[in-house]
Amino acid sequence: MDQVNISNLSLVFSVALVAIAIVISYKEKLGLSKEVIYAAIRAVVQLVVVGFVLKYVIGVNNFWLTTAMSLFIILNASMNGHKRNPSKNKKFYTTFFAIFISTYVTLSVLILAGALQLIPSQIIPITGMLANNAMVATGLCYRNLYNQFHDQRQQVWEKLALGAPIKLAAKSILQESIRVAIQPTIDSTKTVGLVSLPGTMSGLIFAGVDPVHAIKYQIMVMFMILATSSLAAILAGYSGYKEYFNKNDQLVN
């Protein structure tokens, strides 16, 4: 397989693509120009730093250093997931709990099954993949909880007035929020290979790996993402809906 070589000119053209997005945002008054510029600069800095850090961690191959890197990924995913929660009473530990548990439960199952080895070249990328999807799922769940509690405030009040506990009063909102959070992952799973060409499988095949092994690995990746997203959404939902009630079971947000 030929080695991929990205020239400086290629990077200039990729910057031009970002500039197009900035121009469109400015022209249409979307208010995203600064955010796009900030995101692009931050991505470059982070990739440069993480790239060299990963090379060092993989070279050292130390269990505790690998664990620290994995926890660092979880922490950053939790911080970003927490920011996406519009609730005024949001708590960081609920997001951290959802992403931490969903990511490490999936990782543990894969390690115990022998699908993954406790080496940084496998643990760190998979942790990042799982934590990212858990972060997206929790963010979607939180936003939908906020919107549903705002739109269905009267129905929740009526259920509480009739003596329903908060879990029953918020049941339909909770179910819909979890459903919305998981749906993108379900759609992605259903259309993999038809709409999107999976990168893991393609990369392995291009590298000369037996297609059967590449297919098995991709199936494992899709299923672990689906499991992590589902668990993260459920944990975030069942923790997050309580933020809309006070200690007297009254709707407050």
C-alpha atoms as a PDB file:
ATOM      1  CA  MET A   1       0.000   0.000   0.000  1.00  0.00           C
ATOM      2  CA  ASP A   2       1.355   3.420  -0.981  1.00  0.00           C
ATOM      3  CA  GLN A   3       2.151   5.766   1.872  1.00  0.00           C
ATOM      4  CA  VAL A   4      -0.221   8.718   2.106  1.00  0.00           C
ATOM      5  CA  ASN A   5       1.634  12.011   1.807  1.00  0.00           C
ATOM      6  CA  ILE A   6      -0.247  15.231   2.438  1.00  0.00           C
ATOM      7  CA  SER A   7       1.582  18.198   0.979  1.00  0.00           C
ATOM      8  CA  ASN A   8       1.473  21.736   2.363  1.00  0.00           C
ATOM      9  CA  LEU A   9      -0.472  22.766  -0.735  1.00  0.00           C
ATOM     10  CA  SER A  10      -3.121  20.177   0.111  1.00  0.00           C
ATOM     11  CA  LEU A  11      -3.464  21.680   3.572  1.00  0.00           C
ATOM     12  CA  VAL A  12      -3.851  25.141   2.042  1.00  0.00           C
ATOM     13  CA  PHE A  13      -6.733  23.883  -0.059  1.00  0.00           C
ATOM     14  CA  SER A  14      -8.345  22.299   3.003  1.00  0.00           C
ATOM     15  CA  VAL A  15      -8.104  25.683   4.753  1.00  0.00           C
ATOM     16  CA  ALA A  16      -9.853  27.189   1.735  1.00  0.00           C
ATOM     17  CA  LEU A  17     -12.752  24.781   2.329  1.00  0.00           C
ATOM     18  CA  VAL A  18     -13.057  26.061   5.895  1.00  0.00           C
ATOM     19  CA  ALA A  19     -12.992  29.609   4.530  1.00  0.00           C
ATOM     20  CA  ILE A  20     -15.992  28.759   2.353  1.00  0.00           C
ATOM     21  CA  ALA A  21     -17.937  27.718   5.459  1.00  0.00           C
ATOM     22  CA  ILE A  22     -16.939  30.964   7.191  1.00  0.00           C
ATOM     23  CA  VAL A  23     -18.030  33.082   4.213  1.00  0.00           C
ATOM     24  CA  ILE A  24     -21.385  31.294   4.017  1.00  0.00           C
ATOM     25  CA  SER A  25     -21.945  31.768   7.744  1.00  0.00           C
ATOM     26  CA  TYR A  26     -21.080  35.464   7.485  1.00  0.00           C
ATOM     27  CA  LYS A  27     -23.221  36.071   4.393  1.00  0.00           C
ATOM     28  CA  GLU A  28     -26.249  34.275   5.811  1.00  0.00           C
ATOM     29  CA  LYS A  29     -25.706  35.898   9.247  1.00  0.00           C
ATOM     30  CA  LEU A  30     -25.646  32.547  11.028  1.00  0.00           C
ATOM     31  CA  GLY A  31     -23.335  33.849  13.741  1.00  0.00           C
ATOM     32  CA  LEU A  32     -21.008  30.856  13.411  1.00  0.00           C
ATOM     33  CA  SER A  33     -17.962  32.469  11.779  1.00  0.00           C
ATOM     34  CA  LYS A  34     -16.001  32.950  15.010  1.00  0.00           C
ATOM     35  CA  GLU A  35     -16.968  29.509  16.237  1.00  0.00           C
ATOM     36  CA  VAL A  36     -15.801  27.868  12.994  1.00  0.00           C
ATOM     37  CA  ILE A  37     -12.464  29.724  13.149  1.00  0.00           C
ATOM     38  CA  TYR A  38     -12.006  28.820  16.810  1.00  0.00           C
ATOM     39  CA  ALA A  39     -12.900  25.180  16.143  1.00  0.00           C
ATOM     40  CA  ALA A  40     -10.457  24.946  13.224  1.00  0.00           C
ATOM     41  CA  ILE A  41      -7.554  26.471  15.181  1.00  0.00           C
ATOM     42  CA  ARG A  42      -8.308  24.349  18.229  1.00  0.00           C
ATOM     43  CA  ALA A  43      -8.472  21.180  16.112  1.00  0.00           C
ATOM     44  CA  VAL A  44      -5.040  21.868  14.605  1.00  0.00           C
ATOM     45  CA  VAL A  45      -3.427  22.549  17.990  1.00  0.00           C
ATOM     46  CA  GLN A  46      -5.050  19.527  19.623  1.00  0.00           C
ATOM     47  CA  LEU A  47      -4.129  17.157  16.802  1.00  0.00           C
ATOM     48  CA  VAL A  48      -0.503  18.279  16.830  1.00  0.00           C
ATOM     49  CA  VAL A  49      -0.194  17.869  20.597  1.00  0.00           C
ATOM     50  CA  VAL A  50      -2.136  14.605  20.810  1.00  0.00           C
ATOM     51  CA  GLY A  51      -0.289  13.148  17.837  1.00  0.00           C
ATOM     52  CA  PHE A  52       3.098  13.440  19.569  1.00  0.00           C
ATOM     53  CA  VAL A  53       1.656  12.370  22.933  1.00  0.00           C
ATOM     54  CA  LEU A  54       0.152   9.254  21.377  1.00  0.00           C
ATOM     55  CA  LYS A  55       3.456   8.358  19.754  1.00  0.00           C
ATOM     56  CA  TYR A  56       5.150   8.584  23.151  1.00  0.00           C
ATOM     57  CA  VAL A  57       2.440   6.647  25.023  1.00  0.00           C
ATOM     58  CA  ILE A  58       2.376   3.855  22.442  1.00  0.00           C
ATOM     59  CA  GLY A  59       6.168   3.662  22.512  1.00  0.00           C
ATOM     60  CA  VAL A  60       6.304   3.425  26.323  1.00  0.00           C
ATOM     61  CA  ASN A  61       3.430   0.902  26.511  1.00  0.00           C
ATOM     62  CA  ASN A  62       2.801   1.490  30.213  1.00  0.00           C
ATOM     63  CA  PHE A  63      -0.510   0.345  31.765  1.00  0.00           C
ATOM     64  CA  TRP A  64      -0.904   3.333  34.100  1.00  0.00           C
ATOM     65  CA  LEU A  65      -0.010   5.844  31.407  1.00  0.00           C
ATOM     66  CA  THR A  66      -2.519   4.221  29.065  1.00  0.00           C
ATOM     67  CA  THR A  67      -5.169   4.352  31.798  1.00  0.00           C
ATOM     68  CA  ALA A  68      -4.418   8.031  32.466  1.00  0.00           C
ATOM     69  CA  MET A  69      -4.759   8.844  28.766  1.00  0.00           C
ATOM     70  CA  SER A  70      -8.040   6.943  28.629  1.00  0.00           C
ATOM     71  CA  LEU A  71      -9.401   8.814  31.668  1.00  0.00           C
ATOM     72  CA  PHE A  72      -8.288  12.107  30.139  1.00  0.00           C
ATOM     73  CA  ILE A  73     -10.406  11.315  27.076  1.00  0.00           C
ATOM     74  CA  ILE A  74     -13.402  10.465  29.269  1.00  0.00           C
ATOM     75  CA  LEU A  75     -12.982  13.685  31.258  1.00  0.00           C
ATOM     76  CA  ASN A  76     -12.885  15.863  28.152  1.00  0.00           C
ATOM     77  CA  ALA A  77     -15.891  14.103  26.639  1.00  0.00           C
ATOM     78  CA  SER A  78     -17.775  14.647  29.911  1.00  0.00           C
ATOM     79  CA  MET A  79     -16.900  18.347  29.984  1.00  0.00           C
ATOM     80  CA  ASN A  80     -18.204  18.823  26.452  1.00  0.00           C
ATOM     81  CA  GLY A  81     -21.316  16.746  27.126  1.00  0.00           C
ATOM     82  CA  HIS A  82     -21.953  18.812  30.269  1.00  0.00           C
ATOM     83  CA  LYS A  83     -21.760  22.054  28.263  1.00  0.00           C
ATOM     84  CA  ARG A  84     -24.475  20.786  25.922  1.00  0.00           C
ATOM     85  CA  ASN A  85     -26.938  20.422  28.789  1.00  0.00           C
ATOM     86  CA  PRO A  86     -29.229  23.512  28.804  1.00  0.00           C
ATOM     87  CA  SER A  87     -30.617  22.748  32.261  1.00  0.00           C
ATOM     88  CA  LYS A  88     -29.998  25.408  34.906  1.00  0.00           C
ATOM     89  CA  ASN A  89     -29.571  22.710  37.556  1.00  0.00           C
ATOM     90  CA  LYS A  90     -27.172  20.500  35.600  1.00  0.00           C
ATOM     91  CA  LYS A  91     -24.479  18.621  37.475  1.00  0.00           C
ATOM     92  CA  PHE A  92     -21.162  17.585  35.952  1.00  0.00           C
ATOM     93  CA  TYR A  93     -20.976  14.265  37.759  1.00  0.00           C
ATOM     94  CA  THR A  94     -24.142  12.976  36.043  1.00  0.00           C
ATOM     95  CA  THR A  95     -22.566  13.454  32.615  1.00  0.00           C
ATOM     96  CA  PHE A  96     -19.250  12.015  33.762  1.00  0.00           C
ATOM     97  CA  PHE A  97     -21.055   9.027  35.261  1.00  0.00           C
ATOM     98  CA  ALA A  98     -22.981   8.337  32.034  1.00  0.00           C
ATOM     99  CA  ILE A  99     -19.949   8.552  29.755  1.00  0.00           C
ATOM    100  CA  PHE A 100     -17.560   6.814  32.179  1.00  0.00           C
ATOM    101  CA  ILE A 101     -19.835   3.822  32.824  1.00  0.00           C
ATOM    102  CA  SER A 102     -21.005   3.364  29.217  1.00  0.00           C
ATOM    103  CA  THR A 103     -17.466   3.577  27.823  1.00  0.00           C
ATOM    104  CA  TYR A 104     -15.756   1.331  30.349  1.00  0.00           C
ATOM    105  CA  VAL A 105     -18.515  -1.276  30.469  1.00  0.00           C
ATOM    106  CA  THR A 106     -18.160  -1.739  26.706  1.00  0.00           C
ATOM    107  CA  LEU A 107     -14.357  -1.722  26.914  1.00  0.00           C
ATOM    108  CA  SER A 108     -14.393  -4.276  29.719  1.00  0.00           C
ATOM    109  CA  VAL A 109     -16.630  -6.661  27.783  1.00  0.00           C
ATOM    110  CA  LEU A 110     -14.385  -6.415  24.716  1.00  0.00           C
ATOM    111  CA  ILE A 111     -11.235  -6.988  26.779  1.00  0.00           C
ATOM    112  CA  LEU A 112     -12.716  -9.958  28.650  1.00  0.00           C
ATOM    113  CA  ALA A 113     -13.907 -11.434  25.347  1.00  0.00           C
ATOM    114  CA  GLY A 114     -10.389 -11.170  23.953  1.00  0.00           C
ATOM    115  CA  ALA A 115     -11.397  -8.751  21.194  1.00  0.00           C
ATOM    116  CA  LEU A 116      -9.079  -6.066  22.589  1.00  0.00           C
ATOM    117  CA  GLN A 117      -5.700  -6.217  24.273  1.00  0.00           C
ATOM    118  CA  LEU A 118      -4.535  -3.966  27.084  1.00  0.00           C
ATOM    119  CA  ILE A 119      -2.135  -2.064  24.890  1.00  0.00           C
ATOM    120  CA  PRO A 120      -2.288   1.699  24.153  1.00  0.00           C
ATOM    121  CA  SER A 121      -2.543   1.262  20.377  1.00  0.00           C
ATOM    122  CA  GLN A 122      -5.913  -0.444  20.907  1.00  0.00           C
ATOM    123  CA  ILE A 123      -7.290   0.936  24.168  1.00  0.00           C
ATOM    124  CA  ILE A 124      -6.754   4.651  23.494  1.00  0.00           C
ATOM    125  CA  PRO A 125      -8.333   4.865  19.995  1.00  0.00           C
ATOM    126  CA  ILE A 126     -11.288   2.679  21.030  1.00  0.00           C
ATOM    127  CA  THR A 127     -11.806   4.741  24.192  1.00  0.00           C
ATOM    128  CA  GLY A 128     -11.893   7.883  22.078  1.00  0.00           C
ATOM    129  CA  MET A 129     -14.356   6.343  19.640  1.00  0.00           C
ATOM    130  CA  LEU A 130     -16.696   5.168  22.393  1.00  0.00           C
ATOM    131  CA  ALA A 131     -16.453   8.334  24.507  1.00  0.00           C
ATOM    132  CA  ASN A 132     -17.181  10.518  21.483  1.00  0.00           C
ATOM    133  CA  ASN A 133     -20.373   8.633  20.652  1.00  0.00           C
ATOM    134  CA  ALA A 134     -21.396   8.614  24.328  1.00  0.00           C
ATOM    135  CA  MET A 135     -20.824  12.383  24.426  1.00  0.00           C
ATOM    136  CA  VAL A 136     -23.042  12.941  21.378  1.00  0.00           C
ATOM    137  CA  ALA A 137     -25.791  10.703  22.798  1.00  0.00           C
ATOM    138  CA  THR A 138     -25.808  12.448  26.179  1.00  0.00           C
ATOM    139  CA  GLY A 139     -25.870  15.873  24.507  1.00  0.00           C
ATOM    140  CA  LEU A 140     -28.873  14.922  22.369  1.00  0.00           C
ATOM    141  CA  CYS A 141     -30.652  13.454  25.382  1.00  0.00           C
ATOM    142  CA  TYR A 142     -30.078  16.568  27.496  1.00  0.00           C
ATOM    143  CA  ARG A 143     -31.264  18.982  24.812  1.00  0.00           C
ATOM    144  CA  ASN A 144     -34.388  16.970  24.138  1.00  0.00           C
ATOM    145  CA  LEU A 145     -35.145  16.729  27.863  1.00  0.00           C
ATOM    146  CA  TYR A 146     -34.922  20.506  28.104  1.00  0.00           C
ATOM    147  CA  ASN A 147     -37.180  21.078  25.068  1.00  0.00           C
ATOM    148  CA  GLN A 148     -39.729  18.473  26.131  1.00  0.00           C
ATOM    149  CA  PHE A 149     -39.983  19.757  29.686  1.00  0.00           C
ATOM    150  CA  HIS A 150     -40.504  23.255  28.266  1.00  0.00           C
ATOM    151  CA  ASP A 151     -43.149  22.154  25.749  1.00  0.00           C
ATOM    152  CA  GLN A 152     -44.974  19.709  28.034  1.00  0.00           C
ATOM    153  CA  ARG A 153     -44.740  21.681  31.265  1.00  0.00           C
ATOM    154  CA  GLN A 154     -48.523  21.810  31.689  1.00  0.00           C
ATOM    155  CA  GLN A 155     -48.936  18.043  31.225  1.00  0.00           C
ATOM    156  CA  VAL A 156     -46.229  17.354  33.806  1.00  0.00           C
ATOM    157  CA  TRP A 157     -47.896  19.737  36.279  1.00  0.00           C
ATOM    158  CA  GLU A 158     -51.230  17.984  35.791  1.00  0.00           C
ATOM    159  CA  LYS A 159     -49.716  14.545  36.410  1.00  0.00           C
ATOM    160  CA  LEU A 160     -47.984  15.793  39.562  1.00  0.00           C
ATOM    161  CA  ALA A 161     -51.224  17.389  40.749  1.00  0.00           C
ATOM    162  CA  LEU A 162     -52.962  14.027  40.369  1.00  0.00           C
ATOM    163  CA  GLY A 163     -50.366  12.438  42.654  1.00  0.00           C
ATOM    164  CA  ALA A 164     -48.025  10.888  40.104  1.00  0.00           C
ATOM    165  CA  PRO A 165     -44.387  10.455  41.190  1.00  0.00           C
ATOM    166  CA  ILE A 166     -41.837  12.434  39.202  1.00  0.00           C
ATOM    167  CA  LYS A 167     -40.673   9.389  37.245  1.00  0.00           C
ATOM    168  CA  LEU A 168     -44.192   8.662  36.033  1.00  0.00           C
ATOM    169  CA  ALA A 169     -44.875  12.349  35.337  1.00  0.00           C
ATOM    170  CA  ALA A 170     -41.743  12.553  33.185  1.00  0.00           C
ATOM    171  CA  LYS A 171     -41.973   9.051  31.679  1.00  0.00           C
ATOM    172  CA  SER A 172     -43.044  10.072  28.159  1.00  0.00           C
ATOM    173  CA  ILE A 173     -40.445  12.875  28.080  1.00  0.00           C
ATOM    174  CA  LEU A 174     -37.732  10.522  29.271  1.00  0.00           C
ATOM    175  CA  GLN A 175     -38.606   7.846  26.735  1.00  0.00           C
ATOM    176  CA  GLU A 176     -38.667  10.311  23.849  1.00  0.00           C
ATOM    177  CA  SER A 177     -35.368  11.891  24.890  1.00  0.00           C
ATOM    178  CA  ILE A 178     -33.580   8.542  25.052  1.00  0.00           C
ATOM    179  CA  ARG A 179     -35.107   7.542  21.715  1.00  0.00           C
ATOM    180  CA  VAL A 180     -33.910  10.756  20.058  1.00  0.00           C
ATOM    181  CA  ALA A 181     -30.420  10.304  21.506  1.00  0.00           C
ATOM    182  CA  ILE A 182     -30.017   6.740  20.224  1.00  0.00           C
ATOM    183  CA  GLN A 183     -31.718   7.155  16.832  1.00  0.00           C
ATOM    184  CA  PRO A 184     -28.715   8.622  14.933  1.00  0.00           C
ATOM    185  CA  THR A 185     -26.562   5.651  15.961  1.00  0.00           C
ATOM    186  CA  ILE A 186     -29.313   3.232  14.948  1.00  0.00           C
ATOM    187  CA  ASP A 187     -29.641   4.939  11.555  1.00  0.00           C
ATOM    188  CA  SER A 188     -25.873   4.825  11.096  1.00  0.00           C
ATOM    189  CA  THR A 189     -25.840   1.120  11.955  1.00  0.00           C
ATOM    190  CA  LYS A 190     -28.656   0.355   9.521  1.00  0.00           C
ATOM    191  CA  THR A 191     -27.001   2.164   6.616  1.00  0.00           C
ATOM    192  CA  VAL A 192     -23.355   1.199   7.166  1.00  0.00           C
ATOM    193  CA  GLY A 193     -21.887  -0.124   3.929  1.00  0.00           C
ATOM    194  CA  LEU A 194     -24.786   1.321   1.904  1.00  0.00           C
ATOM    195  CA  VAL A 195     -24.534   5.042   2.649  1.00  0.00           C
ATOM    196  CA  SER A 196     -21.255   5.294   4.536  1.00  0.00           C
ATOM    197  CA  LEU A 197     -18.229   3.144   3.751  1.00  0.00           C
ATOM    198  CA  PRO A 198     -16.869   2.116   7.176  1.00  0.00           C
ATOM    199  CA  GLY A 199     -13.375   3.468   7.682  1.00  0.00           C
ATOM    200  CA  THR A 200     -12.147   0.671   9.954  1.00  0.00           C
ATOM    201  CA  MET A 201     -13.058  -2.107   7.536  1.00  0.00           C
ATOM    202  CA  SER A 202     -11.831  -0.184   4.489  1.00  0.00           C
ATOM    203  CA  GLY A 203      -8.524   0.678   6.155  1.00  0.00           C
ATOM    204  CA  LEU A 204      -7.893  -2.933   7.150  1.00  0.00           C
ATOM    205  CA  ILE A 205      -8.710  -4.230   3.679  1.00  0.00           C
ATOM    206  CA  PHE A 206      -6.496  -1.585   2.049  1.00  0.00           C
ATOM    207  CA  ALA A 207      -3.725  -2.637   4.452  1.00  0.00           C
ATOM    208  CA  GLY A 208      -3.955  -6.193   3.145  1.00  0.00           C
ATOM    209  CA  VAL A 209      -5.967  -7.806   5.952  1.00  0.00           C
ATOM    210  CA  ASP A 210      -8.265 -10.707   5.054  1.00  0.00           C
ATOM    211  CA  PRO A 211     -11.718  -9.181   4.252  1.00  0.00           C
ATOM    212  CA  VAL A 212     -13.417 -11.672   6.569  1.00  0.00           C
ATOM    213  CA  HIS A 213     -11.352 -10.440   9.528  1.00  0.00           C
ATOM    214  CA  ALA A 214     -11.911  -6.815   8.488  1.00  0.00           C
ATOM    215  CA  ILE A 215     -15.673  -7.374   8.323  1.00  0.00           C
ATOM    216  CA  LYS A 216     -15.704  -9.028  11.757  1.00  0.00           C
ATOM    217  CA  TYR A 217     -13.766  -6.129  13.241  1.00  0.00           C
ATOM    218  CA  GLN A 218     -16.126  -3.568  11.698  1.00  0.00           C
ATOM    219  CA  ILE A 219     -19.165  -5.427  13.023  1.00  0.00           C
ATOM    220  CA  MET A 220     -17.602  -5.353  16.482  1.00  0.00           C
ATOM    221  CA  VAL A 221     -16.966  -1.600  16.146  1.00  0.00           C
ATOM    222  CA  MET A 222     -20.550  -0.842  15.075  1.00  0.00           C
ATOM    223  CA  PHE A 223     -22.062  -2.968  17.843  1.00  0.00           C
ATOM    224  CA  MET A 224     -19.842  -1.496  20.559  1.00  0.00           C
ATOM    225  CA  ILE A 225     -20.758   2.039  19.422  1.00  0.00           C
ATOM    226  CA  LEU A 226     -24.452   1.156  19.443  1.00  0.00           C
ATOM    227  CA  ALA A 227     -24.171  -0.359  22.923  1.00  0.00           C
ATOM    228  CA  THR A 228     -22.202   2.583  24.317  1.00  0.00           C
ATOM    229  CA  SER A 229     -24.545   5.223  22.854  1.00  0.00           C
ATOM    230  CA  SER A 230     -27.615   3.391  24.155  1.00  0.00           C
ATOM    231  CA  LEU A 231     -26.211   2.955  27.657  1.00  0.00           C
ATOM    232  CA  ALA A 232     -24.963   6.559  27.793  1.00  0.00           C
ATOM    233  CA  ALA A 233     -28.351   7.929  26.694  1.00  0.00           C
ATOM    234  CA  ILE A 234     -30.206   5.817  29.264  1.00  0.00           C
ATOM    235  CA  LEU A 235     -27.884   6.807  32.118  1.00  0.00           C
ATOM    236  CA  ALA A 236     -27.963  10.481  31.110  1.00  0.00           C
ATOM    237  CA  GLY A 237     -31.740  10.445  30.766  1.00  0.00           C
ATOM    238  CA  TYR A 238     -32.478   8.783  34.095  1.00  0.00           C
ATOM    239  CA  SER A 239     -30.055  11.118  35.865  1.00  0.00           C
ATOM    240  CA  GLY A 240     -30.881  14.259  33.894  1.00  0.00           C
ATOM    241  CA  TYR A 241     -34.669  14.308  34.244  1.00  0.00           C
ATOM    242  CA  LYS A 242     -34.344  14.677  38.027  1.00  0.00           C
ATOM    243  CA  GLU A 243     -32.666  18.057  37.489  1.00  0.00           C
ATOM    244  CA  TYR A 244     -36.076  19.470  36.534  1.00  0.00           C
ATOM    245  CA  PHE A 245     -37.583  18.711  39.954  1.00  0.00           C
ATOM    246  CA  ASN A 246     -36.704  20.001  43.410  1.00  0.00           C
ATOM    247  CA  LYS A 247     -36.448  17.946  46.619  1.00  0.00           C
ATOM    248  CA  ASN A 248     -40.216  18.367  47.103  1.00  0.00           C
ATOM    249  CA  ASP A 249     -40.901  16.756  43.691  1.00  0.00           C
ATOM    250  CA  GLN A 250     -41.992  20.074  42.193  1.00  0.00           C
ATOM    251  CA  LEU A 251     -41.201  21.086  38.605  1.00  0.00           C
ATOM    252  CA  VAL A 252     -38.678  23.905  38.843  1.00  0.00           C
ATOM    253  CA  ASN A 253     -36.991  24.308  35.436  1.00  0.00           C
END
